[in-house]
Amino acid sequence: MPTPAGRARLARHPDAGGGFAGVHAAACTEYGWPYHGTLLGARFTRHPAYRPGRALVADPGHPATRTSWRIWTADSPGRPGRREAAGPIYSPRPSSDVSAVNGLLHPSE
């Protein structure tokens, strides 16, 4: 994705204390850039079968979820991350088809 200069610019913001939000496919990009994997906290090792489902807002106080619905019907529901410091802002609904078929986490490193 980014050039070496773009990577340096992208890294400066979170390194200076700014936020970063990686959406779904962020965990399956930039495998050759170790910083990106560290920033994400986990990587997909494979992607499980696709199923639509519903996700619950796990952190209603987060700026990204403050104005969203408490249950979100999604084409690809959010997954809890492995990076405990960040924590999930959306989690698959336990009764969701996605949770039943794929479990709550994508396979990750």
PDB file of N, CA and C in Angstrom:
ATOM      1  N   MET A   1       0.831  -1.183   0.000  1.00  0.00           N
ATOM      2  CA  MET A   1       0.000   0.000   0.000  1.00  0.00           C
ATOM      3  C   MET A   1       0.876   1.247   0.000  1.00  0.00           C
ATOM      4  N   PRO A   2       1.215   1.793   1.160  1.00  0.00           N
ATOM      5  CA  PRO A   2       1.972   3.042   1.126  1.00  0.00           C
ATOM      6  C   PRO A   2       3.414   2.834   0.672  1.00  0.00           C
ATOM      7  N   THR A   3       3.958   3.899   0.134  1.00  0.00           N
ATOM      8  CA  THR A   3       5.387   3.929  -0.188  1.00  0.00           C
ATOM      9  C   THR A   3       6.166   3.986   1.127  1.00  0.00           C
ATOM     10  N   PRO A   4       7.480   3.816   1.088  1.00  0.00           N
ATOM     11  CA  PRO A   4       8.246   3.966   2.331  1.00  0.00           C
ATOM     12  C   PRO A   4       7.998   5.316   3.024  1.00  0.00           C
ATOM     13  N   ALA A   5       7.905   6.387   2.244  1.00  0.00           N
ATOM     14  CA  ALA A   5       7.622   7.701   2.844  1.00  0.00           C
ATOM     15  C   ALA A   5       6.210   7.733   3.434  1.00  0.00           C
ATOM     16  N   GLY A   6       5.255   7.101   2.752  1.00  0.00           N
ATOM     17  CA  GLY A   6       3.887   7.032   3.267  1.00  0.00           C
ATOM     18  C   GLY A   6       3.798   6.214   4.541  1.00  0.00           C
ATOM     19  N   ARG A   7       4.566   5.143   4.601  1.00  0.00           N
ATOM     20  CA  ARG A   7       4.600   4.325   5.821  1.00  0.00           C
ATOM     21  C   ARG A   7       5.133   5.139   6.995  1.00  0.00           C
ATOM     22  N   ALA A   8       6.185   5.907   6.739  1.00  0.00           N
ATOM     23  CA  ALA A   8       6.762   6.737   7.806  1.00  0.00           C
ATOM     24  C   ALA A   8       5.742   7.761   8.292  1.00  0.00           C
ATOM     25  N   ARG A   9       5.008   8.388   7.358  1.00  0.00           N
ATOM     26  CA  ARG A   9       3.975   9.360   7.755  1.00  0.00           C
ATOM     27  C   ARG A   9       2.869   8.684   8.545  1.00  0.00           C
ATOM     28  N   LEU A  10       2.438   7.509   8.085  1.00  0.00           N
ATOM     29  CA  LEU A  10       1.372   6.786   8.777  1.00  0.00           C
ATOM     30  C   LEU A  10       1.805   6.389  10.187  1.00  0.00           C
ATOM     31  N   ALA A  11       3.042   5.975  10.354  1.00  0.00           N
ATOM     32  CA  ALA A  11       3.538   5.542  11.665  1.00  0.00           C
ATOM     33  C   ALA A  11       3.686   6.710  12.642  1.00  0.00           C
ATOM     34  N   ARG A  12       3.950   7.908  12.142  1.00  0.00           N
ATOM     35  CA  ARG A  12       4.164   9.048  13.039  1.00  0.00           C
ATOM     36  C   ARG A  12       2.943   9.342  13.906  1.00  0.00           C
ATOM     37  N   HIS A  13       1.747   9.219  13.354  1.00  0.00           N
ATOM     38  CA  HIS A  13       0.533   9.588  14.103  1.00  0.00           C
ATOM     39  C   HIS A  13       0.317   8.694  15.330  1.00  0.00           C
ATOM     40  N   PRO A  14       0.217   7.365  15.189  1.00  0.00           N
ATOM     41  CA  PRO A  14       0.049   6.553  16.402  1.00  0.00           C
ATOM     42  C   PRO A  14       1.273   6.593  17.319  1.00  0.00           C
ATOM     43  N   ASP A  15       2.459   6.734  16.740  1.00  0.00           N
ATOM     44  CA  ASP A  15       3.661   6.811  17.575  1.00  0.00           C
ATOM     45  C   ASP A  15       3.660   8.063  18.448  1.00  0.00           C
ATOM     46  N   ALA A  16       2.965   9.103  17.988  1.00  0.00           N
ATOM     47  CA  ALA A  16       2.870  10.354  18.749  1.00  0.00           C
ATOM     48  C   ALA A  16       1.670  10.345  19.699  1.00  0.00           C
ATOM     49  N   GLY A  17       0.983   9.200  19.796  1.00  0.00           N
ATOM     50  CA  GLY A  17      -0.149   9.097  20.713  1.00  0.00           C
ATOM     51  C   GLY A  17      -1.499   9.210  20.046  1.00  0.00           C
ATOM     52  N   GLY A  18      -1.517   9.385  18.723  1.00  0.00           N
ATOM     53  CA  GLY A  18      -2.785   9.482  17.999  1.00  0.00           C
ATOM     54  C   GLY A  18      -3.423   8.119  17.813  1.00  0.00           C
ATOM     55  N   GLY A  19      -4.662   8.122  17.410  1.00  0.00           N
ATOM     56  CA  GLY A  19      -5.407   6.883  17.244  1.00  0.00           C
ATOM     57  C   GLY A  19      -5.205   6.239  15.886  1.00  0.00           C
ATOM     58  N   PHE A  20      -5.621   5.006  15.794  1.00  0.00           N
ATOM     59  CA  PHE A  20      -5.597   4.255  14.543  1.00  0.00           C
ATOM     60  C   PHE A  20      -6.777   3.308  14.556  1.00  0.00           C
ATOM     61  N   ALA A  21      -7.542   3.289  13.491  1.00  0.00           N
ATOM     62  CA  ALA A  21      -8.648   2.337  13.354  1.00  0.00           C
ATOM     63  C   ALA A  21      -8.416   1.536  12.087  1.00  0.00           C
ATOM     64  N   GLY A  22      -8.143   0.263  12.246  1.00  0.00           N
ATOM     65  CA  GLY A  22      -7.981  -0.627  11.108  1.00  0.00           C
ATOM     66  C   GLY A  22      -9.268  -1.399  10.915  1.00  0.00           C
ATOM     67  N   VAL A  23      -9.863  -1.282   9.753  1.00  0.00           N
ATOM     68  CA  VAL A  23     -11.132  -1.946   9.475  1.00  0.00           C
ATOM     69  C   VAL A  23     -10.867  -3.283   8.800  1.00  0.00           C
ATOM     70  N   HIS A  24     -11.533  -4.302   9.236  1.00  0.00           N
ATOM     71  CA  HIS A  24     -11.527  -5.680   8.766  1.00  0.00           C
ATOM     72  C   HIS A  24     -10.291  -6.080   7.948  1.00  0.00           C
ATOM     73  N   ALA A  25     -10.191  -5.667   6.703  1.00  0.00           N
ATOM     74  CA  ALA A  25      -9.114  -6.127   5.828  1.00  0.00           C
ATOM     75  C   ALA A  25      -7.749  -5.567   6.211  1.00  0.00           C
ATOM     76  N   ALA A  26      -7.693  -4.652   7.151  1.00  0.00           N
ATOM     77  CA  ALA A  26      -6.394  -4.142   7.601  1.00  0.00           C
ATOM     78  C   ALA A  26      -5.528  -5.273   8.138  1.00  0.00           C
ATOM     79  N   ALA A  27      -6.152  -6.317   8.661  1.00  0.00           N
ATOM     80  CA  ALA A  27      -5.404  -7.429   9.250  1.00  0.00           C
ATOM     81  C   ALA A  27      -4.896  -8.417   8.208  1.00  0.00           C
ATOM     82  N   CYS A  28      -5.212  -8.186   6.943  1.00  0.00           N
ATOM     83  CA  CYS A  28      -4.700  -9.083   5.894  1.00  0.00           C
ATOM     84  C   CYS A  28      -3.978  -8.278   4.814  1.00  0.00           C
ATOM     85  N   THR A  29      -3.315  -7.197   5.231  1.00  0.00           N
ATOM     86  CA  THR A  29      -2.512  -6.389   4.314  1.00  0.00           C
ATOM     87  C   THR A  29      -1.156  -6.108   4.948  1.00  0.00           C
ATOM     88  N   GLU A  30      -0.245  -5.653   4.131  1.00  0.00           N
ATOM     89  CA  GLU A  30       1.065  -5.189   4.589  1.00  0.00           C
ATOM     90  C   GLU A  30       1.834  -6.222   5.410  1.00  0.00           C
ATOM     91  N   TYR A  31       1.797  -7.487   4.963  1.00  0.00           N
ATOM     92  CA  TYR A  31       2.533  -8.538   5.675  1.00  0.00           C
ATOM     93  C   TYR A  31       4.038  -8.278   5.691  1.00  0.00           C
ATOM     94  N   GLY A  32       4.549  -7.563   4.716  1.00  0.00           N
ATOM     95  CA  GLY A  32       5.977  -7.269   4.662  1.00  0.00           C
ATOM     96  C   GLY A  32       6.393  -6.059   5.478  1.00  0.00           C
ATOM     97  N   TRP A  33       5.463  -5.449   6.195  1.00  0.00           N
ATOM     98  CA  TRP A  33       5.764  -4.269   7.005  1.00  0.00           C
ATOM     99  C   TRP A  33       5.551  -4.624   8.470  1.00  0.00           C
ATOM    100  N   PRO A  34       6.590  -5.003   9.196  1.00  0.00           N
ATOM    101  CA  PRO A  34       6.434  -5.447  10.584  1.00  0.00           C
ATOM    102  C   PRO A  34       5.723  -4.431  11.479  1.00  0.00           C
ATOM    103  N   TYR A  35       5.954  -3.134  11.271  1.00  0.00           N
ATOM    104  CA  TYR A  35       5.301  -2.111  12.096  1.00  0.00           C
ATOM    105  C   TYR A  35       3.781  -2.255  12.036  1.00  0.00           C
ATOM    106  N   HIS A  36       3.264  -2.508  10.854  1.00  0.00           N
ATOM    107  CA  HIS A  36       1.810  -2.616  10.673  1.00  0.00           C
ATOM    108  C   HIS A  36       1.244  -3.777  11.496  1.00  0.00           C
ATOM    109  N   GLY A  37       1.919  -4.903  11.490  1.00  0.00           N
ATOM    110  CA  GLY A  37       1.467  -6.039  12.290  1.00  0.00           C
ATOM    111  C   GLY A  37       1.494  -5.736  13.778  1.00  0.00           C
ATOM    112  N   THR A  38       2.519  -5.021  14.222  1.00  0.00           N
ATOM    113  CA  THR A  38       2.602  -4.634  15.630  1.00  0.00           C
ATOM    114  C   THR A  38       1.490  -3.661  15.984  1.00  0.00           C
ATOM    115  N   LEU A  39       1.211  -2.725  15.104  1.00  0.00           N
ATOM    116  CA  LEU A  39       0.139  -1.751  15.325  1.00  0.00           C
ATOM    117  C   LEU A  39      -1.208  -2.447  15.462  1.00  0.00           C
ATOM    118  N   LEU A  40      -1.466  -3.443  14.609  1.00  0.00           N
ATOM    119  CA  LEU A  40      -2.734  -4.164  14.652  1.00  0.00           C
ATOM    120  C   LEU A  40      -2.829  -5.094  15.855  1.00  0.00           C
ATOM    121  N   GLY A  41      -1.739  -5.706  16.226  1.00  0.00           N
ATOM    122  CA  GLY A  41      -1.735  -6.637  17.339  1.00  0.00           C
ATOM    123  C   GLY A  41      -2.025  -8.068  16.945  1.00  0.00           C
ATOM    124  N   ALA A  42      -2.467  -8.311  15.720  1.00  0.00           N
ATOM    125  CA  ALA A  42      -2.747  -9.667  15.225  1.00  0.00           C
ATOM    126  C   ALA A  42      -2.908  -9.601  13.718  1.00  0.00           C
ATOM    127  N   ARG A  43      -2.772 -10.729  13.080  1.00  0.00           N
ATOM    128  CA  ARG A  43      -2.948 -10.856  11.629  1.00  0.00           C
ATOM    129  C   ARG A  43      -3.849 -12.037  11.329  1.00  0.00           C
ATOM    130  N   PHE A  44      -4.583 -11.955  10.221  1.00  0.00           N
ATOM    131  CA  PHE A  44      -5.320 -13.130   9.752  1.00  0.00           C
ATOM    132  C   PHE A  44      -4.312 -14.145   9.234  1.00  0.00           C
ATOM    133  N   THR A  45      -4.499 -15.411   9.567  1.00  0.00           N
ATOM    134  CA  THR A  45      -3.721 -16.461   8.930  1.00  0.00           C
ATOM    135  C   THR A  45      -4.538 -17.081   7.807  1.00  0.00           C
ATOM    136  N   ARG A  46      -5.824 -16.971   7.906  1.00  0.00           N
ATOM    137  CA  ARG A  46      -6.757 -17.348   6.843  1.00  0.00           C
ATOM    138  C   ARG A  46      -8.073 -16.682   7.187  1.00  0.00           C
ATOM    139  N   HIS A  47      -8.974 -16.627   6.243  1.00  0.00           N
ATOM    140  CA  HIS A  47     -10.272 -16.014   6.484  1.00  0.00           C
ATOM    141  C   HIS A  47     -11.327 -17.104   6.494  1.00  0.00           C
ATOM    142  N   PRO A  48     -12.090 -17.219   7.567  1.00  0.00           N
ATOM    143  CA  PRO A  48     -13.121 -18.256   7.631  1.00  0.00           C
ATOM    144  C   PRO A  48     -14.262 -17.985   6.662  1.00  0.00           C
ATOM    145  N   ALA A  49     -15.159 -18.930   6.560  1.00  0.00           N
ATOM    146  CA  ALA A  49     -16.307 -18.810   5.663  1.00  0.00           C
ATOM    147  C   ALA A  49     -17.097 -17.543   5.964  1.00  0.00           C
ATOM    148  N   TYR A  50     -17.548 -16.887   4.914  1.00  0.00           N
ATOM    149  CA  TYR A  50     -18.331 -15.664   5.069  1.00  0.00           C
ATOM    150  C   TYR A  50     -19.773 -16.005   5.418  1.00  0.00           C
ATOM    151  N   ARG A  51     -20.308 -15.316   6.374  1.00  0.00           N
ATOM    152  CA  ARG A  51     -21.724 -15.373   6.722  1.00  0.00           C
ATOM    153  C   ARG A  51     -22.130 -14.006   7.240  1.00  0.00           C
ATOM    154  N   PRO A  52     -23.268 -13.472   6.805  1.00  0.00           N
ATOM    155  CA  PRO A  52     -23.739 -12.221   7.409  1.00  0.00           C
ATOM    156  C   PRO A  52     -24.163 -12.483   8.853  1.00  0.00           C
ATOM    157  N   GLY A  53     -24.225 -11.462   9.641  1.00  0.00           N
ATOM    158  CA  GLY A  53     -24.628 -11.633  11.028  1.00  0.00           C
ATOM    159  C   GLY A  53     -24.893 -10.306  11.699  1.00  0.00           C
ATOM    160  N   ARG A  54     -25.023 -10.346  13.004  1.00  0.00           N
ATOM    161  CA  ARG A  54     -25.242  -9.130  13.775  1.00  0.00           C
ATOM    162  C   ARG A  54     -24.137  -8.978  14.808  1.00  0.00           C
ATOM    163  N   ALA A  55     -23.786  -7.745  15.074  1.00  0.00           N
ATOM    164  CA  ALA A  55     -22.750  -7.446  16.058  1.00  0.00           C
ATOM    165  C   ALA A  55     -23.331  -6.543  17.135  1.00  0.00           C
ATOM    166  N   LEU A  56     -22.861  -6.737  18.355  1.00  0.00           N
ATOM    167  CA  LEU A  56     -23.250  -5.895  19.479  1.00  0.00           C
ATOM    168  C   LEU A  56     -22.175  -4.845  19.698  1.00  0.00           C
ATOM    169  N   VAL A  57     -22.582  -3.638  20.060  1.00  0.00           N
ATOM    170  CA  VAL A  57     -21.608  -2.618  20.418  1.00  0.00           C
ATOM    171  C   VAL A  57     -20.979  -3.032  21.742  1.00  0.00           C
ATOM    172  N   ALA A  58     -19.684  -3.280  21.746  1.00  0.00           N
ATOM    173  CA  ALA A  58     -18.974  -3.702  22.951  1.00  0.00           C
ATOM    174  C   ALA A  58     -18.524  -2.504  23.781  1.00  0.00           C
ATOM    175  N   ASP A  59     -18.325  -1.360  23.127  1.00  0.00           N
ATOM    176  CA  ASP A  59     -17.866  -0.160  23.826  1.00  0.00           C
ATOM    177  C   ASP A  59     -18.713   1.027  23.385  1.00  0.00           C
ATOM    178  N   PRO A  60     -19.885   1.253  24.014  1.00  0.00           N
ATOM    179  CA  PRO A  60     -20.768   2.340  23.594  1.00  0.00           C
ATOM    180  C   PRO A  60     -20.186   3.725  23.832  1.00  0.00           C
ATOM    181  N   GLY A  61     -19.132   3.850  24.619  1.00  0.00           N
ATOM    182  CA  GLY A  61     -18.513   5.150  24.854  1.00  0.00           C
ATOM    183  C   GLY A  61     -17.443   5.512  23.844  1.00  0.00           C
ATOM    184  N   HIS A  62     -17.067   4.571  22.983  1.00  0.00           N
ATOM    185  CA  HIS A  62     -16.025   4.824  21.987  1.00  0.00           C
ATOM    186  C   HIS A  62     -16.546   5.818  20.951  1.00  0.00           C
ATOM    187  N   PRO A  63     -15.713   6.769  20.502  1.00  0.00           N
ATOM    188  CA  PRO A  63     -16.172   7.756  19.517  1.00  0.00           C
ATOM    189  C   PRO A  63     -16.752   7.136  18.244  1.00  0.00           C
ATOM    190  N   ALA A  64     -16.260   5.970  17.850  1.00  0.00           N
ATOM    191  CA  ALA A  64     -16.754   5.331  16.624  1.00  0.00           C
ATOM    192  C   ALA A  64     -18.125   4.695  16.811  1.00  0.00           C
ATOM    193  N   THR A  65     -18.562   4.495  18.048  1.00  0.00           N
ATOM    194  CA  THR A  65     -19.835   3.806  18.284  1.00  0.00           C
ATOM    195  C   THR A  65     -20.852   4.648  19.042  1.00  0.00           C
ATOM    196  N   ARG A  66     -20.476   5.821  19.481  1.00  0.00           N
ATOM    197  CA  ARG A  66     -21.377   6.637  20.304  1.00  0.00           C
ATOM    198  C   ARG A  66     -22.730   6.878  19.665  1.00  0.00           C
ATOM    199  N   THR A  67     -22.748   7.061  18.360  1.00  0.00           N
ATOM    200  CA  THR A  67     -24.013   7.378  17.692  1.00  0.00           C
ATOM    201  C   THR A  67     -24.557   6.214  16.875  1.00  0.00           C
ATOM    202  N   SER A  68     -23.993   5.029  17.043  1.00  0.00           N
ATOM    203  CA  SER A  68     -24.461   3.891  16.246  1.00  0.00           C
ATOM    204  C   SER A  68     -25.516   3.100  17.003  1.00  0.00           C
ATOM    205  N   TRP A  69     -26.148   2.183  16.292  1.00  0.00           N
ATOM    206  CA  TRP A  69     -27.125   1.300  16.907  1.00  0.00           C
ATOM    207  C   TRP A  69     -26.429   0.361  17.872  1.00  0.00           C
ATOM    208  N   ARG A  70     -27.124  -0.125  18.870  1.00  0.00           N
ATOM    209  CA  ARG A  70     -26.535  -1.042  19.847  1.00  0.00           C
ATOM    210  C   ARG A  70     -26.382  -2.447  19.272  1.00  0.00           C
ATOM    211  N   ILE A  71     -27.247  -2.824  18.360  1.00  0.00           N
ATOM    212  CA  ILE A  71     -27.086  -4.067  17.597  1.00  0.00           C
ATOM    213  C   ILE A  71     -26.960  -3.641  16.149  1.00  0.00           C
ATOM    214  N   TRP A  72     -25.915  -4.095  15.504  1.00  0.00           N
ATOM    215  CA  TRP A  72     -25.599  -3.668  14.154  1.00  0.00           C
ATOM    216  C   TRP A  72     -25.675  -4.872  13.234  1.00  0.00           C
ATOM    217  N   THR A  73     -26.581  -4.824  12.256  1.00  0.00           N
ATOM    218  CA  THR A  73     -26.657  -5.878  11.254  1.00  0.00           C
ATOM    219  C   THR A  73     -25.592  -5.569  10.219  1.00  0.00           C
ATOM    220  N   ALA A  74     -24.710  -6.525  10.011  1.00  0.00           N
ATOM    221  CA  ALA A  74     -23.537  -6.264   9.185  1.00  0.00           C
ATOM    222  C   ALA A  74     -23.333  -7.365   8.166  1.00  0.00           C
ATOM    223  N   ASP A  75     -22.774  -6.974   7.023  1.00  0.00           N
ATOM    224  CA  ASP A  75     -22.383  -7.962   6.026  1.00  0.00           C
ATOM    225  C   ASP A  75     -21.176  -8.748   6.512  1.00  0.00           C
ATOM    226  N   SER A  76     -20.329  -8.115   7.303  1.00  0.00           N
ATOM    227  CA  SER A  76     -19.140  -8.764   7.837  1.00  0.00           C
ATOM    228  C   SER A  76     -18.920  -8.231   9.249  1.00  0.00           C
ATOM    229  N   PRO A  77     -19.523  -8.849  10.250  1.00  0.00           N
ATOM    230  CA  PRO A  77     -19.467  -8.298  11.602  1.00  0.00           C
ATOM    231  C   PRO A  77     -18.049  -8.130  12.125  1.00  0.00           C
ATOM    232  N   GLY A  78     -17.865  -7.143  12.973  1.00  0.00           N
ATOM    233  CA  GLY A  78     -16.569  -6.893  13.594  1.00  0.00           C
ATOM    234  C   GLY A  78     -16.145  -8.072  14.450  1.00  0.00           C
ATOM    235  N   ARG A  79     -14.877  -8.197  14.660  1.00  0.00           N
ATOM    236  CA  ARG A  79     -14.336  -9.300  15.454  1.00  0.00           C
ATOM    237  C   ARG A  79     -13.567  -8.734  16.633  1.00  0.00           C
ATOM    238  N   PRO A  80     -13.640  -9.364  17.772  1.00  0.00           N
ATOM    239  CA  PRO A  80     -12.780  -8.919  18.867  1.00  0.00           C
ATOM    240  C   PRO A  80     -11.322  -9.093  18.465  1.00  0.00           C
ATOM    241  N   GLY A  81     -10.497  -8.140  18.835  1.00  0.00           N
ATOM    242  CA  GLY A  81      -9.089  -8.238  18.517  1.00  0.00           C
ATOM    243  C   GLY A  81      -8.325  -8.960  19.610  1.00  0.00           C
ATOM    244  N   ARG A  82      -7.072  -9.284  19.337  1.00  0.00           N
ATOM    245  CA  ARG A  82      -6.230  -9.940  20.334  1.00  0.00           C
ATOM    246  C   ARG A  82      -5.439  -8.914  21.127  1.00  0.00           C
ATOM    247  N   ARG A  83      -5.482  -7.661  20.731  1.00  0.00           N
ATOM    248  CA  ARG A  83      -4.699  -6.634  21.407  1.00  0.00           C
ATOM    249  C   ARG A  83      -5.514  -6.088  22.572  1.00  0.00           C
ATOM    250  N   GLU A  84      -5.194  -6.528  23.773  1.00  0.00           N
ATOM    251  CA  GLU A  84      -5.998  -6.197  24.937  1.00  0.00           C
ATOM    252  C   GLU A  84      -6.037  -4.712  25.242  1.00  0.00           C
ATOM    253  N   ALA A  85      -4.978  -3.973  24.945  1.00  0.00           N
ATOM    254  CA  ALA A  85      -4.963  -2.545  25.249  1.00  0.00           C
ATOM    255  C   ALA A  85      -6.016  -1.793  24.448  1.00  0.00           C
ATOM    256  N   ALA A  86      -6.282  -2.252  23.242  1.00  0.00           N
ATOM    257  CA  ALA A  86      -7.251  -1.562  22.403  1.00  0.00           C
ATOM    258  C   ALA A  86      -8.659  -2.046  22.700  1.00  0.00           C
ATOM    259  N   GLY A  87      -8.857  -3.335  22.706  1.00  0.00           N
ATOM    260  CA  GLY A  87     -10.176  -3.902  22.971  1.00  0.00           C
ATOM    261  C   GLY A  87     -11.115  -3.718  21.796  1.00  0.00           C
ATOM    262  N   PRO A  88     -12.106  -4.574  21.694  1.00  0.00           N
ATOM    263  CA  PRO A  88     -13.053  -4.471  20.587  1.00  0.00           C
ATOM    264  C   PRO A  88     -14.058  -3.356  20.825  1.00  0.00           C
ATOM    265  N   ILE A  89     -14.538  -2.771  19.733  1.00  0.00           N
ATOM    266  CA  ILE A  89     -15.652  -1.837  19.859  1.00  0.00           C
ATOM    267  C   ILE A  89     -16.940  -2.478  19.366  1.00  0.00           C
ATOM    268  N   TYR A  90     -16.832  -3.530  18.565  1.00  0.00           N
ATOM    269  CA  TYR A  90     -17.966  -4.361  18.164  1.00  0.00           C
ATOM    270  C   TYR A  90     -17.591  -5.812  18.415  1.00  0.00           C
ATOM    271  N   SER A  91     -18.548  -6.628  18.802  1.00  0.00           N
ATOM    272  CA  SER A  91     -18.332  -8.059  18.998  1.00  0.00           C
ATOM    273  C   SER A  91     -19.453  -8.822  18.330  1.00  0.00           C
ATOM    274  N   PRO A  92     -19.173  -9.991  17.745  1.00  0.00           N
ATOM    275  CA  PRO A  92     -20.251 -10.769  17.134  1.00  0.00           C
ATOM    276  C   PRO A  92     -21.308 -11.125  18.172  1.00  0.00           C
ATOM    277  N   ARG A  93     -22.536 -11.043  17.770  1.00  0.00           N
ATOM    278  CA  ARG A  93     -23.632 -11.432  18.649  1.00  0.00           C
ATOM    279  C   ARG A  93     -23.566 -12.947  18.841  1.00  0.00           C
ATOM    280  N   PRO A  94     -23.662 -13.448  20.064  1.00  0.00           N
ATOM    281  CA  PRO A  94     -23.516 -14.893  20.291  1.00  0.00           C
ATOM    282  C   PRO A  94     -24.457 -15.753  19.462  1.00  0.00           C
ATOM    283  N   SER A  95     -25.659 -15.269  19.172  1.00  0.00           N
ATOM    284  CA  SER A  95     -26.599 -16.072  18.388  1.00  0.00           C
ATOM    285  C   SER A  95     -26.409 -15.888  16.888  1.00  0.00           C
ATOM    286  N   SER A  96     -25.449 -15.061  16.492  1.00  0.00           N
ATOM    287  CA  SER A  96     -25.204 -14.789  15.083  1.00  0.00           C
ATOM    288  C   SER A  96     -24.709 -16.042  14.371  1.00  0.00           C
ATOM    289  N   ASP A  97     -25.095 -16.194  13.130  1.00  0.00           N
ATOM    290  CA  ASP A  97     -24.576 -17.301  12.322  1.00  0.00           C
ATOM    291  C   ASP A  97     -23.055 -17.292  12.301  1.00  0.00           C
ATOM    292  N   VAL A  98     -22.465 -16.103  12.272  1.00  0.00           N
ATOM    293  CA  VAL A  98     -21.012 -15.991  12.189  1.00  0.00           C
ATOM    294  C   VAL A  98     -20.357 -16.629  13.399  1.00  0.00           C
ATOM    295  N   SER A  99     -20.884 -16.346  14.591  1.00  0.00           N
ATOM    296  CA  SER A  99     -20.293 -16.908  15.805  1.00  0.00           C
ATOM    297  C   SER A  99     -20.414 -18.419  15.816  1.00  0.00           C
ATOM    298  N   ALA A 100     -21.542 -18.929  15.366  1.00  0.00           N
ATOM    299  CA  ALA A 100     -21.772 -20.371  15.391  1.00  0.00           C
ATOM    300  C   ALA A 100     -20.864 -21.097  14.404  1.00  0.00           C
ATOM    301  N   VAL A 101     -20.647 -20.500  13.242  1.00  0.00           N
ATOM    302  CA  VAL A 101     -19.869 -21.162  12.199  1.00  0.00           C
ATOM    303  C   VAL A 101     -18.371 -20.947  12.381  1.00  0.00           C
ATOM    304  N   ASN A 102     -17.961 -19.708  12.665  1.00  0.00           N
ATOM    305  CA  ASN A 102     -16.548 -19.367  12.671  1.00  0.00           C
ATOM    306  C   ASN A 102     -15.947 -19.190  14.056  1.00  0.00           C
ATOM    307  N   GLY A 103     -16.736 -19.193  15.083  1.00  0.00           N
ATOM    308  CA  GLY A 103     -16.214 -18.833  16.398  1.00  0.00           C
ATOM    309  C   GLY A 103     -16.121 -17.324  16.507  1.00  0.00           C
ATOM    310  N   LEU A 104     -15.722 -16.839  17.657  1.00  0.00           N
ATOM    311  CA  LEU A 104     -15.708 -15.398  17.868  1.00  0.00           C
ATOM    312  C   LEU A 104     -14.495 -14.701  17.286  1.00  0.00           C
ATOM    313  N   LEU A 105     -13.426 -15.415  17.005  1.00  0.00           N
ATOM    314  CA  LEU A 105     -12.223 -14.788  16.469  1.00  0.00           C
ATOM    315  C   LEU A 105     -11.867 -15.357  15.110  1.00  0.00           C
ATOM    316  N   HIS A 106     -11.335 -14.502  14.250  1.00  0.00           N
ATOM    317  CA  HIS A 106     -10.742 -15.003  13.015  1.00  0.00           C
ATOM    318  C   HIS A 106      -9.449 -15.716  13.398  1.00  0.00           C
ATOM    319  N   PRO A 107      -9.049 -16.725  12.661  1.00  0.00           N
ATOM    320  CA  PRO A 107      -7.737 -17.328  12.917  1.00  0.00           C
ATOM    321  C   PRO A 107      -6.663 -16.259  12.741  1.00  0.00           C
ATOM    322  N   SER A 108      -5.799 -16.119  13.691  1.00  0.00           N
ATOM    323  CA  SER A 108      -4.794 -15.070  13.615  1.00  0.00           C
ATOM    324  C   SER A 108      -3.487 -15.546  14.212  1.00  0.00           C
ATOM    325  N   GLU A 109      -2.448 -14.771  13.922  1.00  0.00           N
ATOM    326  CA  GLU A 109      -1.121 -15.092  14.438  1.00  0.00           C
ATOM    327  C   GLU A 109      -0.998 -14.606  15.855  1.00  0.00           C
TER     328      GLU A 109
END
